[in-house]
Amino acid sequence: MTEAKDLQLKTGTTTICVMCKDGIVLAADRRASGGGMVLHKRAQKIQPITDVIAVTTAGNVSDIQLMVKLARAEIKLKDVQAYRTTTVREAASLVAGMLYSTFRRPSMVLSIASLMMGGRDAEGFHGWELSPDGSMMDIKDYAADGSGMVFALGVLETLYRKNMTIDEGVKLAVKAVNAALQRDTASGNGIDVVTITDKGMQTVLEKELEIRIE
């Protein structure tokens, strides 16, 4: 008898968060894969939640899409109810709670959505790792997620240094994602980079990598 876990397609990705002295850099590849197949070549794995908060995404596409929609709606509702802007920590805690409840819900197919949240509030810039089981971990310097993280972390461990500028952080994030693209078959097709600074959220790189067969 075939078990539910045997019917699930294995997926992969590479996402990066780099904390800089003047902001946050979020980077990701563009390949959506499943069961060894490339299912989408232009997947947007960095999603804005508010004007100053964004998340990188890894996991099941349907779970990710639902979680992003719920996060946007719940944070807007929280702002209205509290008569103030939700802090990054509060936003991270809210999403972590939703991840926990979804992960623990009995289901034939396990819900998997892993996020890294970066944002700015009155206290400064903050990054959080939000695991599928609902756990939260503060990002003090850098973090990586997805099937290509082992290759990206090697670059980050070697080249990251405290008090990097946002421009230096962008270059480092691109190098880290590129290392994963070279070795991880589930990552590829392009790189997207988003920065969050005092000037707001900005997409600084949208690069498509085409593989052509002559």
N, C-alpha and C. Protein backbone atom coordinates (compact mmCIF):
# COMPACT_ATOMS: atom_id res chain seq x y z
N MET A 1 0.85 -1.20 0.00
CA MET A 1 0.00 0.00 0.00
C MET A 1 0.88 1.25 0.00
N THR A 2 0.57 2.18 -0.87
CA THR A 2 1.35 3.42 -0.96
C THR A 2 0.95 4.39 0.14
N GLU A 3 1.91 4.86 0.93
CA GLU A 3 1.63 5.80 1.99
C GLU A 3 1.58 7.22 1.45
N ALA A 4 0.91 8.11 2.21
CA ALA A 4 0.76 9.51 1.76
C ALA A 4 2.11 10.17 1.56
N LYS A 5 3.06 9.84 2.43
CA LYS A 5 4.37 10.49 2.33
C LYS A 5 5.08 10.13 1.03
N ASP A 6 4.76 8.94 0.47
CA ASP A 6 5.39 8.52 -0.77
C ASP A 6 4.82 9.25 -1.99
N LEU A 7 3.65 9.87 -1.81
CA LEU A 7 3.00 10.59 -2.90
C LEU A 7 3.44 12.05 -2.98
N GLN A 8 4.15 12.52 -1.96
CA GLN A 8 4.55 13.91 -1.93
C GLN A 8 5.77 14.14 -2.82
N LEU A 9 5.74 15.25 -3.55
CA LEU A 9 6.88 15.62 -4.38
C LEU A 9 7.90 16.37 -3.54
N LYS A 10 9.15 15.97 -3.63
CA LYS A 10 10.20 16.68 -2.91
C LYS A 10 10.47 18.01 -3.60
N THR A 11 10.58 19.07 -2.80
CA THR A 11 10.79 20.40 -3.36
C THR A 11 12.12 20.96 -2.86
N GLY A 12 12.52 22.09 -3.42
CA GLY A 12 13.78 22.70 -3.00
C GLY A 12 13.81 24.18 -3.33
N THR A 13 14.76 24.88 -2.71
CA THR A 13 14.90 26.32 -2.92
C THR A 13 16.15 26.80 -2.20
N THR A 14 16.49 28.06 -2.41
CA THR A 14 17.55 28.70 -1.63
C THR A 14 17.12 30.12 -1.32
N THR A 15 17.03 30.44 -0.04
CA THR A 15 16.69 31.79 0.39
C THR A 15 17.72 32.28 1.41
N ILE A 16 17.95 33.60 1.39
CA ILE A 16 19.01 34.21 2.20
C ILE A 16 18.47 35.45 2.93
N CYS A 17 18.93 35.65 4.15
CA CYS A 17 18.69 36.90 4.89
C CYS A 17 20.02 37.37 5.46
N VAL A 18 20.39 38.60 5.15
CA VAL A 18 21.64 39.18 5.64
C VAL A 18 21.33 40.47 6.39
N MET A 19 21.76 40.56 7.64
CA MET A 19 21.56 41.75 8.45
C MET A 19 22.73 42.70 8.26
N CYS A 20 22.45 43.93 7.89
CA CYS A 20 23.48 44.94 7.66
C CYS A 20 23.30 46.10 8.64
N LYS A 21 24.29 46.97 8.74
CA LYS A 21 24.20 48.07 9.69
C LYS A 21 23.15 49.09 9.30
N ASP A 22 22.81 49.15 8.02
CA ASP A 22 21.83 50.13 7.55
C ASP A 22 20.63 49.49 6.88
N GLY A 23 20.38 48.20 7.18
CA GLY A 23 19.20 47.56 6.61
C GLY A 23 19.30 46.05 6.56
N ILE A 24 18.41 45.46 5.78
CA ILE A 24 18.31 44.01 5.64
C ILE A 24 18.29 43.64 4.17
N VAL A 25 18.97 42.55 3.82
CA VAL A 25 18.96 42.03 2.45
C VAL A 25 18.28 40.67 2.46
N LEU A 26 17.29 40.50 1.59
CA LEU A 26 16.63 39.22 1.38
C LEU A 26 16.88 38.79 -0.06
N ALA A 27 17.27 37.54 -0.25
CA ALA A 27 17.57 37.05 -1.59
C ALA A 27 17.04 35.65 -1.76
N ALA A 28 16.72 35.29 -3.01
CA ALA A 28 16.19 33.96 -3.28
C ALA A 28 16.39 33.60 -4.74
N ASP A 29 16.39 32.30 -5.02
CA ASP A 29 16.41 31.84 -6.40
C ASP A 29 14.97 31.84 -6.93
N ARG A 30 14.78 31.41 -8.17
CA ARG A 30 13.46 31.49 -8.81
C ARG A 30 12.85 30.14 -9.17
N ARG A 31 13.55 29.06 -8.92
CA ARG A 31 13.07 27.76 -9.40
C ARG A 31 12.09 27.12 -8.41
N ALA A 32 10.92 26.72 -8.92
CA ALA A 32 9.98 25.92 -8.14
C ALA A 32 10.06 24.50 -8.68
N SER A 33 10.40 23.57 -7.82
CA SER A 33 10.63 22.20 -8.26
C SER A 33 9.76 21.22 -7.50
N GLY A 34 9.63 20.03 -8.06
CA GLY A 34 8.88 18.98 -7.40
C GLY A 34 9.21 17.64 -8.01
N GLY A 35 9.66 16.71 -7.16
CA GLY A 35 9.98 15.38 -7.66
C GLY A 35 11.04 15.33 -8.73
N GLY A 36 12.00 16.23 -8.68
CA GLY A 36 13.06 16.26 -9.67
C GLY A 36 12.72 17.02 -10.93
N MET A 37 11.52 17.59 -11.00
CA MET A 37 11.10 18.37 -12.17
C MET A 37 11.10 19.86 -11.85
N VAL A 38 11.38 20.69 -12.85
CA VAL A 38 11.26 22.13 -12.72
C VAL A 38 9.82 22.49 -13.06
N LEU A 39 9.06 22.92 -12.07
CA LEU A 39 7.64 23.20 -12.26
C LEU A 39 7.37 24.65 -12.62
N HIS A 40 8.28 25.55 -12.22
CA HIS A 40 8.10 26.97 -12.54
C HIS A 40 9.47 27.63 -12.54
N LYS A 41 9.72 28.50 -13.53
CA LYS A 41 11.03 29.13 -13.67
C LYS A 41 11.08 30.57 -13.18
N ARG A 42 9.93 31.11 -12.76
CA ARG A 42 9.91 32.51 -12.33
C ARG A 42 9.15 32.67 -11.02
N ALA A 43 9.36 31.74 -10.12
CA ALA A 43 8.68 31.79 -8.83
C ALA A 43 9.18 32.98 -8.01
N GLN A 44 8.25 33.72 -7.43
CA GLN A 44 8.61 34.86 -6.59
C GLN A 44 8.66 34.40 -5.13
N LYS A 45 9.86 34.19 -4.62
CA LYS A 45 10.03 33.62 -3.29
C LYS A 45 10.26 34.67 -2.20
N ILE A 46 10.24 35.94 -2.58
CA ILE A 46 10.30 37.03 -1.61
C ILE A 46 8.98 37.78 -1.69
N GLN A 47 8.21 37.76 -0.62
CA GLN A 47 6.87 38.32 -0.64
C GLN A 47 6.73 39.44 0.39
N PRO A 48 6.23 40.61 -0.01
CA PRO A 48 5.98 41.69 0.96
C PRO A 48 4.77 41.36 1.82
N ILE A 49 4.88 41.65 3.10
CA ILE A 49 3.77 41.47 4.04
C ILE A 49 3.14 42.83 4.38
N THR A 50 4.01 43.83 4.60
CA THR A 50 3.59 45.22 4.76
C THR A 50 4.55 46.07 3.93
N ASP A 51 4.48 47.38 4.10
CA ASP A 51 5.40 48.27 3.36
C ASP A 51 6.84 48.13 3.83
N VAL A 52 7.03 47.61 5.05
CA VAL A 52 8.39 47.53 5.61
C VAL A 52 8.72 46.14 6.15
N ILE A 53 7.91 45.15 5.84
CA ILE A 53 8.15 43.78 6.28
C ILE A 53 7.97 42.85 5.09
N ALA A 54 8.92 41.93 4.91
CA ALA A 54 8.82 40.95 3.83
C ALA A 54 9.30 39.60 4.33
N VAL A 55 8.94 38.54 3.61
CA VAL A 55 9.37 37.20 3.98
C VAL A 55 9.96 36.49 2.77
N THR A 56 10.95 35.63 3.03
CA THR A 56 11.39 34.68 2.02
C THR A 56 10.61 33.40 2.28
N THR A 57 10.39 32.61 1.23
CA THR A 57 9.52 31.45 1.38
C THR A 57 10.17 30.18 0.87
N ALA A 58 9.90 29.08 1.59
CA ALA A 58 10.36 27.76 1.18
C ALA A 58 9.33 26.74 1.66
N GLY A 59 9.12 25.68 0.87
CA GLY A 59 8.16 24.67 1.26
C GLY A 59 7.14 24.39 0.19
N ASN A 60 5.96 23.90 0.61
CA ASN A 60 4.87 23.63 -0.33
C ASN A 60 4.25 24.94 -0.80
N VAL A 61 4.10 25.08 -2.11
CA VAL A 61 3.61 26.34 -2.68
C VAL A 61 2.24 26.72 -2.13
N SER A 62 1.32 25.77 -2.06
CA SER A 62 -0.03 26.08 -1.59
C SER A 62 -0.01 26.57 -0.15
N ASP A 63 0.80 25.93 0.69
CA ASP A 63 0.89 26.34 2.10
C ASP A 63 1.50 27.74 2.22
N ILE A 64 2.51 28.01 1.40
CA ILE A 64 3.17 29.31 1.41
C ILE A 64 2.20 30.41 0.99
N GLN A 65 1.48 30.18 -0.10
CA GLN A 65 0.56 31.19 -0.61
C GLN A 65 -0.52 31.51 0.42
N LEU A 66 -1.06 30.48 1.06
CA LEU A 66 -2.09 30.71 2.07
C LEU A 66 -1.52 31.45 3.27
N MET A 67 -0.32 31.07 3.70
CA MET A 67 0.29 31.70 4.86
C MET A 67 0.57 33.18 4.62
N VAL A 68 1.05 33.52 3.42
CA VAL A 68 1.33 34.92 3.09
C VAL A 68 0.04 35.74 3.08
N LYS A 69 -1.03 35.19 2.48
CA LYS A 69 -2.31 35.89 2.46
C LYS A 69 -2.84 36.12 3.87
N LEU A 70 -2.78 35.09 4.71
CA LEU A 70 -3.26 35.21 6.08
C LEU A 70 -2.42 36.20 6.88
N ALA A 71 -1.10 36.16 6.67
CA ALA A 71 -0.21 37.08 7.40
C ALA A 71 -0.53 38.53 7.07
N ARG A 72 -0.72 38.83 5.79
CA ARG A 72 -1.06 40.20 5.38
C ARG A 72 -2.36 40.65 6.02
N ALA A 73 -3.37 39.78 5.98
CA ALA A 73 -4.68 40.15 6.51
C ALA A 73 -4.65 40.31 8.03
N GLU A 74 -4.01 39.38 8.73
CA GLU A 74 -3.99 39.41 10.19
C GLU A 74 -3.20 40.59 10.73
N ILE A 75 -2.11 40.93 10.05
CA ILE A 75 -1.31 42.07 10.51
C ILE A 75 -2.06 43.38 10.28
N LYS A 76 -2.75 43.50 9.16
CA LYS A 76 -3.59 44.69 8.92
C LYS A 76 -4.66 44.81 9.99
N LEU A 77 -5.30 43.68 10.32
CA LEU A 77 -6.34 43.67 11.34
C LEU A 77 -5.77 44.05 12.70
N LYS A 78 -4.59 43.55 13.00
CA LYS A 78 -3.95 43.86 14.28
C LYS A 78 -3.63 45.35 14.38
N ASP A 79 -3.17 45.95 13.28
CA ASP A 79 -2.89 47.40 13.26
C ASP A 79 -4.15 48.20 13.58
N VAL A 80 -5.27 47.80 12.97
CA VAL A 80 -6.54 48.51 13.18
C VAL A 80 -7.03 48.36 14.61
N GLN A 81 -6.93 47.15 15.14
CA GLN A 81 -7.42 46.89 16.49
C GLN A 81 -6.57 47.56 17.56
N ALA A 82 -5.25 47.65 17.33
CA ALA A 82 -4.35 48.20 18.33
C ALA A 82 -4.10 49.70 18.15
N TYR A 83 -4.61 50.28 17.05
CA TYR A 83 -4.41 51.70 16.74
C TYR A 83 -2.92 52.06 16.65
N ARG A 84 -2.11 51.13 16.17
CA ARG A 84 -0.68 51.38 15.97
C ARG A 84 -0.12 50.36 15.00
N THR A 85 1.09 50.61 14.53
CA THR A 85 1.73 49.70 13.59
C THR A 85 2.34 48.51 14.32
N THR A 86 2.08 47.34 13.85
CA THR A 86 2.62 46.12 14.44
C THR A 86 4.14 46.08 14.29
N THR A 87 4.86 45.73 15.37
CA THR A 87 6.31 45.62 15.30
C THR A 87 6.70 44.35 14.55
N VAL A 88 7.97 44.28 14.16
CA VAL A 88 8.44 43.10 13.43
C VAL A 88 8.35 41.86 14.31
N ARG A 89 8.71 42.00 15.58
CA ARG A 89 8.62 40.85 16.49
C ARG A 89 7.19 40.36 16.65
N GLU A 90 6.25 41.29 16.77
CA GLU A 90 4.84 40.92 16.88
C GLU A 90 4.35 40.23 15.62
N ALA A 91 4.78 40.74 14.47
CA ALA A 91 4.40 40.12 13.20
C ALA A 91 4.97 38.71 13.10
N ALA A 92 6.22 38.55 13.50
CA ALA A 92 6.86 37.23 13.46
C ALA A 92 6.16 36.26 14.41
N SER A 93 5.81 36.74 15.60
CA SER A 93 5.12 35.88 16.57
C SER A 93 3.75 35.46 16.06
N LEU A 94 3.06 36.38 15.40
CA LEU A 94 1.74 36.07 14.84
C LEU A 94 1.83 35.00 13.77
N VAL A 95 2.79 35.15 12.86
CA VAL A 95 2.96 34.18 11.78
C VAL A 95 3.44 32.84 12.33
N ALA A 96 4.33 32.87 13.32
CA ALA A 96 4.80 31.63 13.94
C ALA A 96 3.65 30.85 14.55
N GLY A 97 2.72 31.56 15.17
CA GLY A 97 1.55 30.90 15.74
C GLY A 97 0.69 30.24 14.67
N MET A 98 0.55 30.90 13.52
CA MET A 98 -0.22 30.32 12.42
C MET A 98 0.49 29.09 11.85
N LEU A 99 1.81 29.16 11.74
CA LEU A 99 2.57 28.01 11.27
C LEU A 99 2.42 26.83 12.21
N TYR A 100 2.47 27.11 13.49
CA TYR A 100 2.34 26.04 14.49
C TYR A 100 0.98 25.35 14.39
N SER A 101 -0.08 26.15 14.32
CA SER A 101 -1.43 25.58 14.27
C SER A 101 -1.66 24.78 12.99
N THR A 102 -1.09 25.25 11.88
CA THR A 102 -1.25 24.54 10.61
C THR A 102 -0.44 23.25 10.60
N PHE A 103 0.76 23.31 11.14
CA PHE A 103 1.66 22.14 11.16
C PHE A 103 1.10 21.03 12.03
N ARG A 104 0.44 21.42 13.15
CA ARG A 104 -0.08 20.44 14.10
C ARG A 104 -1.44 19.88 13.71
N ARG A 105 -2.08 20.46 12.72
CA ARG A 105 -3.40 20.00 12.32
C ARG A 105 -3.31 18.66 11.60
N PRO A 106 -4.09 17.65 12.03
CA PRO A 106 -4.05 16.35 11.38
C PRO A 106 -4.39 16.45 9.90
N SER A 107 -3.58 15.83 9.06
CA SER A 107 -3.81 15.91 7.62
C SER A 107 -3.10 14.75 6.92
N MET A 108 -3.64 14.33 5.78
CA MET A 108 -3.00 13.30 4.99
C MET A 108 -1.67 13.78 4.42
N VAL A 109 -1.60 15.08 4.10
CA VAL A 109 -0.38 15.69 3.57
C VAL A 109 0.10 16.75 4.55
N LEU A 110 1.33 16.61 5.00
CA LEU A 110 1.88 17.53 6.00
C LEU A 110 2.04 18.93 5.42
N SER A 111 1.61 19.93 6.20
CA SER A 111 1.76 21.32 5.78
C SER A 111 3.19 21.79 6.07
N ILE A 112 3.86 22.31 5.05
CA ILE A 112 5.24 22.77 5.21
C ILE A 112 5.39 24.16 4.60
N ALA A 113 5.62 25.14 5.44
CA ALA A 113 5.92 26.50 4.99
C ALA A 113 6.99 27.04 5.92
N SER A 114 8.15 27.31 5.39
CA SER A 114 9.28 27.84 6.17
C SER A 114 9.58 29.25 5.68
N LEU A 115 9.60 30.20 6.59
CA LEU A 115 9.76 31.60 6.22
C LEU A 115 10.92 32.24 6.97
N MET A 116 11.52 33.24 6.34
CA MET A 116 12.43 34.15 7.03
C MET A 116 11.85 35.55 6.87
N MET A 117 11.65 36.22 7.99
CA MET A 117 11.03 37.54 7.96
C MET A 117 12.05 38.62 8.27
N GLY A 118 12.04 39.66 7.46
CA GLY A 118 12.88 40.83 7.70
C GLY A 118 12.04 42.07 7.67
N GLY A 119 12.32 43.02 8.56
CA GLY A 119 11.51 44.23 8.57
C GLY A 119 12.11 45.33 9.42
N ARG A 120 11.47 46.48 9.33
CA ARG A 120 11.90 47.66 10.08
C ARG A 120 10.74 48.18 10.91
N ASP A 121 11.03 48.60 12.14
CA ASP A 121 10.05 49.28 12.98
C ASP A 121 10.74 50.40 13.74
N ALA A 122 10.08 50.96 14.73
CA ALA A 122 10.64 52.09 15.46
C ALA A 122 11.93 51.75 16.20
N GLU A 123 12.14 50.47 16.48
CA GLU A 123 13.33 50.05 17.22
C GLU A 123 14.49 49.66 16.31
N GLY A 124 14.27 49.64 15.00
CA GLY A 124 15.35 49.31 14.08
C GLY A 124 14.99 48.18 13.12
N PHE A 125 16.02 47.46 12.68
CA PHE A 125 15.84 46.38 11.71
C PHE A 125 15.93 45.04 12.44
N HIS A 126 15.05 44.11 12.02
CA HIS A 126 14.97 42.82 12.71
C HIS A 126 14.75 41.71 11.70
N GLY A 127 15.37 40.56 11.97
CA GLY A 127 15.17 39.38 11.14
C GLY A 127 14.79 38.18 12.00
N TRP A 128 13.90 37.34 11.48
CA TRP A 128 13.43 36.17 12.21
C TRP A 128 13.34 34.96 11.29
N GLU A 129 13.80 33.82 11.80
CA GLU A 129 13.58 32.54 11.13
C GLU A 129 12.31 31.93 11.70
N LEU A 130 11.37 31.57 10.83
CA LEU A 130 10.10 30.98 11.25
C LEU A 130 10.00 29.59 10.63
N SER A 131 10.17 28.58 11.47
CA SER A 131 10.20 27.20 10.99
C SER A 131 8.79 26.64 10.79
N PRO A 132 8.65 25.58 10.02
CA PRO A 132 7.32 25.00 9.79
C PRO A 132 6.60 24.60 11.06
N ASP A 133 7.35 24.24 12.12
CA ASP A 133 6.71 23.82 13.37
C ASP A 133 6.31 24.99 14.26
N GLY A 134 6.55 26.24 13.78
CA GLY A 134 6.15 27.42 14.54
C GLY A 134 7.22 28.01 15.42
N SER A 135 8.42 27.44 15.41
CA SER A 135 9.49 27.99 16.25
C SER A 135 10.04 29.28 15.64
N MET A 136 10.53 30.19 16.52
CA MET A 136 11.08 31.48 16.11
C MET A 136 12.54 31.58 16.55
N MET A 137 13.40 32.05 15.66
CA MET A 137 14.79 32.29 16.00
C MET A 137 15.23 33.64 15.45
N ASP A 138 15.78 34.47 16.32
CA ASP A 138 16.22 35.80 15.95
C ASP A 138 17.46 35.71 15.05
N ILE A 139 17.44 36.44 13.94
CA ILE A 139 18.59 36.47 13.03
C ILE A 139 19.47 37.66 13.41
N LYS A 140 20.62 37.39 13.96
CA LYS A 140 21.53 38.45 14.39
C LYS A 140 22.50 38.88 13.30
N ASP A 141 22.84 37.94 12.41
CA ASP A 141 23.82 38.25 11.36
C ASP A 141 23.33 37.79 9.98
N TYR A 142 23.11 36.50 9.82
CA TYR A 142 22.64 35.98 8.54
C TYR A 142 21.94 34.65 8.76
N ALA A 143 21.19 34.23 7.76
CA ALA A 143 20.53 32.93 7.80
C ALA A 143 20.24 32.48 6.38
N ALA A 144 20.08 31.17 6.19
CA ALA A 144 19.73 30.61 4.90
C ALA A 144 18.72 29.50 5.10
N ASP A 145 17.93 29.23 4.07
CA ASP A 145 16.89 28.22 4.17
C ASP A 145 16.77 27.49 2.83
N GLY A 146 16.16 26.32 2.87
CA GLY A 146 15.93 25.57 1.65
C GLY A 146 16.98 24.51 1.38
N SER A 147 16.79 23.78 0.30
CA SER A 147 17.69 22.67 -0.04
C SER A 147 19.11 23.13 -0.38
N GLY A 148 19.24 24.40 -0.81
CA GLY A 148 20.56 24.91 -1.16
C GLY A 148 21.28 25.63 -0.03
N MET A 149 20.70 25.59 1.17
CA MET A 149 21.25 26.36 2.27
C MET A 149 22.65 25.93 2.67
N VAL A 150 22.96 24.64 2.54
CA VAL A 150 24.28 24.17 2.95
C VAL A 150 25.38 24.81 2.11
N PHE A 151 25.11 25.05 0.84
CA PHE A 151 26.10 25.70 -0.03
C PHE A 151 26.15 27.20 0.24
N ALA A 152 24.97 27.81 0.45
CA ALA A 152 24.92 29.24 0.73
C ALA A 152 25.58 29.58 2.06
N LEU A 153 25.37 28.73 3.06
CA LEU A 153 25.95 29.00 4.38
C LEU A 153 27.47 28.97 4.35
N GLY A 154 28.04 28.15 3.49
CA GLY A 154 29.51 28.13 3.37
C GLY A 154 30.05 29.48 2.95
N VAL A 155 29.36 30.13 2.01
CA VAL A 155 29.77 31.46 1.56
C VAL A 155 29.53 32.50 2.66
N LEU A 156 28.38 32.43 3.29
CA LEU A 156 28.05 33.39 4.35
C LEU A 156 29.02 33.28 5.52
N GLU A 157 29.34 32.05 5.92
CA GLU A 157 30.26 31.84 7.03
C GLU A 157 31.63 32.44 6.73
N THR A 158 32.04 32.33 5.48
CA THR A 158 33.38 32.78 5.09
C THR A 158 33.47 34.29 4.91
N LEU A 159 32.45 34.90 4.30
CA LEU A 159 32.56 36.29 3.87
C LEU A 159 31.79 37.30 4.71
N TYR A 160 30.87 36.84 5.55
CA TYR A 160 30.10 37.81 6.34
C TYR A 160 30.96 38.46 7.42
N ARG A 161 30.71 39.74 7.64
CA ARG A 161 31.35 40.44 8.75
C ARG A 161 30.37 41.46 9.33
N LYS A 162 30.55 41.78 10.57
CA LYS A 162 29.67 42.71 11.25
C LYS A 162 29.75 44.10 10.61
N ASN A 163 28.64 44.82 10.71
CA ASN A 163 28.56 46.21 10.23
C ASN A 163 28.78 46.35 8.72
N MET A 164 28.36 45.33 7.96
CA MET A 164 28.41 45.45 6.50
C MET A 164 27.38 46.49 6.06
N THR A 165 27.70 47.21 4.99
CA THR A 165 26.73 48.14 4.42
C THR A 165 25.70 47.35 3.62
N ILE A 166 24.62 48.00 3.26
CA ILE A 166 23.58 47.33 2.50
C ILE A 166 24.10 46.90 1.12
N ASP A 167 24.96 47.72 0.52
CA ASP A 167 25.54 47.36 -0.78
C ASP A 167 26.43 46.13 -0.68
N GLU A 168 27.21 46.06 0.40
CA GLU A 168 28.05 44.89 0.62
C GLU A 168 27.20 43.66 0.90
N GLY A 169 26.10 43.86 1.62
CA GLY A 169 25.19 42.76 1.92
C GLY A 169 24.54 42.19 0.67
N VAL A 170 24.19 43.07 -0.26
CA VAL A 170 23.60 42.63 -1.53
C VAL A 170 24.59 41.76 -2.30
N LYS A 171 25.83 42.20 -2.40
CA LYS A 171 26.86 41.44 -3.12
C LYS A 171 27.08 40.08 -2.45
N LEU A 172 27.07 40.05 -1.12
CA LEU A 172 27.27 38.79 -0.40
C LEU A 172 26.09 37.84 -0.63
N ALA A 173 24.89 38.37 -0.57
CA ALA A 173 23.69 37.54 -0.78
C ALA A 173 23.68 36.92 -2.17
N VAL A 174 24.07 37.71 -3.17
CA VAL A 174 24.12 37.20 -4.55
C VAL A 174 25.15 36.08 -4.66
N LYS A 175 26.30 36.25 -4.03
CA LYS A 175 27.33 35.20 -4.05
C LYS A 175 26.84 33.93 -3.38
N ALA A 176 26.12 34.09 -2.27
CA ALA A 176 25.62 32.93 -1.53
C ALA A 176 24.58 32.17 -2.34
N VAL A 177 23.64 32.88 -2.94
CA VAL A 177 22.63 32.22 -3.77
C VAL A 177 23.28 31.58 -4.99
N ASN A 178 24.22 32.27 -5.59
CA ASN A 178 24.90 31.74 -6.77
C ASN A 178 25.64 30.44 -6.46
N ALA A 179 26.22 30.34 -5.26
CA ALA A 179 26.91 29.10 -4.86
C ALA A 179 25.92 27.94 -4.83
N ALA A 180 24.71 28.21 -4.35
CA ALA A 180 23.68 27.17 -4.33
C ALA A 180 23.22 26.81 -5.74
N LEU A 181 23.12 27.81 -6.61
CA LEU A 181 22.69 27.54 -7.99
C LEU A 181 23.66 26.61 -8.71
N GLN A 182 24.93 26.68 -8.33
CA GLN A 182 25.95 25.87 -9.00
C GLN A 182 25.89 24.40 -8.58
N ARG A 183 25.36 24.12 -7.36
CA ARG A 183 25.44 22.78 -6.82
C ARG A 183 24.09 22.12 -6.48
N ASP A 184 23.09 22.93 -6.20
CA ASP A 184 21.79 22.39 -5.80
C ASP A 184 20.85 22.35 -7.01
N THR A 185 20.44 21.16 -7.42
CA THR A 185 19.62 21.04 -8.62
C THR A 185 18.20 21.58 -8.43
N ALA A 186 17.77 21.74 -7.18
CA ALA A 186 16.42 22.26 -6.92
C ALA A 186 16.38 23.78 -6.88
N SER A 187 17.55 24.42 -6.99
CA SER A 187 17.62 25.88 -7.02
C SER A 187 18.12 26.32 -8.39
N GLY A 188 17.60 27.44 -8.88
CA GLY A 188 18.08 27.91 -10.18
C GLY A 188 17.17 28.90 -10.86
N ASN A 189 17.46 29.15 -12.15
CA ASN A 189 16.66 29.97 -13.06
C ASN A 189 16.73 31.47 -12.82
N GLY A 190 17.31 31.93 -11.72
CA GLY A 190 17.41 33.36 -11.51
C GLY A 190 17.59 33.73 -10.06
N ILE A 191 17.81 35.02 -9.82
CA ILE A 191 18.02 35.54 -8.47
C ILE A 191 17.19 36.81 -8.30
N ASP A 192 16.50 36.91 -7.18
CA ASP A 192 15.81 38.13 -6.78
C ASP A 192 16.40 38.62 -5.47
N VAL A 193 16.62 39.93 -5.37
CA VAL A 193 17.16 40.52 -4.14
C VAL A 193 16.32 41.73 -3.75
N VAL A 194 15.90 41.76 -2.51
CA VAL A 194 15.11 42.87 -1.96
C VAL A 194 15.82 43.44 -0.75
N THR A 195 15.85 44.77 -0.64
CA THR A 195 16.44 45.42 0.53
C THR A 195 15.37 46.16 1.32
N ILE A 196 15.57 46.22 2.63
CA ILE A 196 14.71 47.01 3.51
C ILE A 196 15.60 47.98 4.26
N THR A 197 15.44 49.25 4.01
CA THR A 197 16.26 50.29 4.64
C THR A 197 15.35 51.40 5.18
N ASP A 198 15.98 52.47 5.64
CA ASP A 198 15.21 53.63 6.10
C ASP A 198 14.41 54.26 4.96
N LYS A 199 14.80 53.98 3.73
CA LYS A 199 14.09 54.50 2.57
C LYS A 199 12.91 53.63 2.16
N GLY A 200 12.75 52.48 2.83
CA GLY A 200 11.66 51.58 2.53
C GLY A 200 12.13 50.27 1.92
N MET A 201 11.20 49.56 1.30
CA MET A 201 11.50 48.28 0.67
C MET A 201 11.73 48.47 -0.82
N GLN A 202 12.78 47.85 -1.33
CA GLN A 202 13.14 48.04 -2.73
C GLN A 202 13.69 46.76 -3.34
N THR A 203 13.24 46.44 -4.53
CA THR A 203 13.81 45.32 -5.29
C THR A 203 15.04 45.85 -6.03
N VAL A 204 16.21 45.33 -5.69
CA VAL A 204 17.44 45.85 -6.27
C VAL A 204 18.02 44.94 -7.35
N LEU A 205 17.51 43.70 -7.43
CA LEU A 205 18.01 42.80 -8.46
C LEU A 205 16.92 41.82 -8.86
N GLU A 206 16.67 41.71 -10.15
CA GLU A 206 15.78 40.71 -10.73
C GLU A 206 16.51 40.13 -11.94
N LYS A 207 17.20 39.04 -11.73
CA LYS A 207 18.04 38.48 -12.78
C LYS A 207 17.56 37.10 -13.17
N GLU A 208 17.27 36.93 -14.45
CA GLU A 208 16.83 35.64 -14.96
C GLU A 208 18.01 34.94 -15.61
N LEU A 209 18.18 33.67 -15.28
CA LEU A 209 19.26 32.87 -15.85
C LEU A 209 18.66 31.83 -16.78
N GLU A 210 18.92 31.98 -18.04
CA GLU A 210 18.37 31.06 -19.05
C GLU A 210 19.42 30.02 -19.44
N ILE A 211 18.97 28.78 -19.47
CA ILE A 211 19.82 27.69 -19.95
C ILE A 211 19.35 27.30 -21.34
N ARG A 212 20.18 27.55 -22.31
CA ARG A 212 19.79 27.28 -23.69
C ARG A 212 20.54 26.07 -24.24
N ILE A 213 19.82 25.25 -25.00
CA ILE A 213 20.42 24.08 -25.63
C ILE A 213 20.65 24.41 -27.11
N GLU A 214 21.89 24.40 -27.51
CA GLU A 214 22.25 24.74 -28.89
C GLU A 214 21.89 23.58 -29.84
